[in-house]
Amino acid sequence: MGRKVDGVWTDVTATEFLAEVRGAAKVAYTTVMTVADILHRKGWLRREKAGRAWLYEPVRSREEYTAGLMRDALGDSQDRPAALLRFVEAISDEDVEALDAALRAARGEADAGTAPGGRA
């Protein structure tokens, strides 16, 4: 034990997760186990036996989860192009470059790995 965990974004036992959360609040082991079991039943976590303990891991990565939140937020908009424009206007130049590179990679463009000079 004693390894640094990152919530349940990496594989983790309930004991390891409890040790991480205890810094923020007094939480009982049974509470962590109950929440982990609920998340497993809802399909958010996979688990497998590791000795006497359960080893939990996320079904989706943090990036996949974040992308889902973004899709949900965009889906709530009545004017998707306007929502996207407002989003791009509000993000940093570095994020604009990353978004441009991601779009080029998704299209399979050869220069997807090179960042553009800046905002258009």
Protein backbone atom coordinates (compact mmCIF):
# COMPACT_ATOMS: atom_id res chain seq x y z
CA MET A 1 0.00 0.00 0.00
CA GLY A 2 1.15 3.59 0.43
CA ARG A 3 1.00 4.38 -3.28
CA LYS A 4 -0.52 7.68 -4.42
CA VAL A 5 -3.92 7.12 -6.00
CA ASP A 6 -5.93 9.54 -8.10
CA GLY A 7 -9.51 9.02 -6.93
CA VAL A 8 -10.95 6.16 -8.89
CA TRP A 9 -9.37 7.27 -12.17
CA THR A 10 -6.80 4.53 -11.61
CA ASP A 11 -7.23 1.03 -10.24
CA VAL A 12 -7.65 1.25 -6.50
CA THR A 13 -8.79 -0.81 -3.54
CA ALA A 14 -11.42 0.56 -1.17
CA THR A 15 -8.76 0.86 1.54
CA GLU A 16 -6.47 2.96 -0.70
CA PHE A 17 -9.36 5.17 -1.76
CA LEU A 18 -10.44 5.58 1.87
CA ALA A 19 -6.91 6.68 2.82
CA GLU A 20 -7.06 9.35 0.12
CA VAL A 21 -10.52 10.66 1.05
CA ARG A 22 -9.88 10.67 4.78
CA GLY A 23 -7.70 13.76 4.38
CA ALA A 24 -10.79 15.75 3.36
CA ALA A 25 -13.43 14.29 5.68
CA LYS A 26 -14.11 11.56 8.22
CA VAL A 27 -15.44 8.72 6.11
CA ALA A 28 -16.05 5.16 7.25
CA TYR A 29 -14.70 2.18 5.30
CA THR A 30 -18.24 0.81 4.94
CA THR A 31 -19.35 4.10 3.34
CA VAL A 32 -16.58 3.86 0.74
CA MET A 33 -17.48 0.22 0.07
CA THR A 34 -21.17 1.10 -0.32
CA VAL A 35 -20.43 3.92 -2.77
CA ALA A 36 -17.97 1.75 -4.74
CA ASP A 37 -20.57 -1.04 -4.92
CA ILE A 38 -23.24 1.39 -6.15
CA LEU A 39 -20.86 2.79 -8.79
CA HIS A 40 -20.04 -0.79 -9.85
CA ARG A 41 -23.74 -1.70 -10.18
CA LYS A 42 -24.39 1.47 -12.21
CA GLY A 43 -21.58 0.56 -14.60
CA TRP A 44 -19.13 3.32 -13.61
CA LEU A 45 -16.55 0.96 -12.07
CA ARG A 46 -15.25 -2.53 -12.88
CA ARG A 47 -14.01 -4.70 -10.07
CA GLU A 48 -12.07 -7.90 -9.59
CA LYS A 49 -10.91 -9.82 -6.56
CA ALA A 50 -7.36 -9.08 -5.43
CA GLY A 51 -6.81 -11.45 -2.53
CA ARG A 52 -9.52 -10.65 0.00
CA ALA A 53 -10.12 -7.13 -1.33
CA TRP A 54 -11.91 -5.83 -4.39
CA LEU A 55 -9.79 -3.90 -6.89
CA TYR A 56 -11.84 -1.18 -8.59
CA GLU A 57 -11.06 0.59 -11.84
CA PRO A 58 -13.02 3.12 -13.89
CA VAL A 59 -14.96 1.99 -16.94
CA ARG A 60 -14.09 5.27 -18.68
CA SER A 61 -10.96 7.40 -18.44
CA ARG A 62 -11.05 10.89 -16.99
CA GLU A 63 -10.76 12.22 -20.56
CA GLU A 64 -13.69 10.12 -21.78
CA TYR A 65 -15.76 11.28 -18.80
CA THR A 66 -14.90 14.93 -19.48
CA ALA A 67 -15.76 14.52 -23.19
CA GLY A 68 -19.14 13.08 -22.17
CA LEU A 69 -19.84 16.09 -19.96
CA MET A 70 -18.96 18.38 -22.85
CA ARG A 71 -21.27 16.45 -25.21
CA ASP A 72 -24.09 16.63 -22.65
CA ALA A 73 -23.63 20.38 -22.19
CA LEU A 74 -23.55 20.95 -25.94
CA GLY A 75 -26.64 18.77 -26.35
CA ASP A 76 -28.55 21.09 -23.99
CA SER A 77 -27.94 24.07 -26.28
CA GLN A 78 -30.62 25.20 -28.71
CA ASP A 79 -27.97 26.87 -30.89
CA ARG A 80 -24.97 24.54 -31.05
CA PRO A 81 -22.84 26.72 -33.38
CA ALA A 82 -23.31 29.72 -31.06
CA ALA A 83 -22.46 27.61 -27.99
CA LEU A 84 -19.29 26.32 -29.68
CA LEU A 85 -18.31 29.85 -30.69
CA ARG A 86 -18.76 31.13 -27.12
CA PHE A 87 -16.71 28.22 -25.83
CA VAL A 88 -13.83 28.82 -28.26
CA GLU A 89 -13.87 32.56 -27.52
CA ALA A 90 -13.48 31.83 -23.80
CA ILE A 91 -10.61 29.30 -23.87
CA SER A 92 -6.88 30.00 -23.86
CA ASP A 93 -4.76 30.20 -27.00
CA GLU A 94 -3.10 26.92 -25.95
CA ASP A 95 -6.49 25.20 -25.71
CA VAL A 96 -7.49 26.62 -29.12
CA GLU A 97 -4.31 25.10 -30.57
CA ALA A 98 -5.01 21.78 -28.85
CA LEU A 99 -8.59 21.81 -30.16
CA ASP A 100 -7.36 22.57 -33.68
CA ALA A 101 -4.83 19.72 -33.47
CA ALA A 102 -7.53 17.36 -32.15
CA LEU A 103 -9.86 18.28 -35.03
CA ARG A 104 -7.09 17.68 -37.57
CA ALA A 105 -6.26 14.33 -35.93
CA ALA A 106 -9.93 13.30 -35.98
CA ARG A 107 -10.03 14.11 -39.70
CA GLY A 108 -6.86 12.09 -40.25
CA GLU A 109 -4.89 15.05 -41.55
CA ALA A 110 -1.15 14.40 -41.84
CA ASP A 111 -0.05 17.53 -39.98
CA ALA A 112 -2.26 16.84 -36.93
CA GLY A 113 0.78 16.75 -34.69
CA THR A 114 1.89 20.30 -35.47
CA ALA A 115 0.29 23.17 -33.62
CA PRO A 116 -0.90 26.19 -35.58
CA GLY A 117 0.67 29.60 -35.04
CA GLY A 118 -2.24 30.89 -32.96
CA ARG A 119 -5.87 31.88 -33.10
CA ALA A 120 -7.45 32.41 -36.49
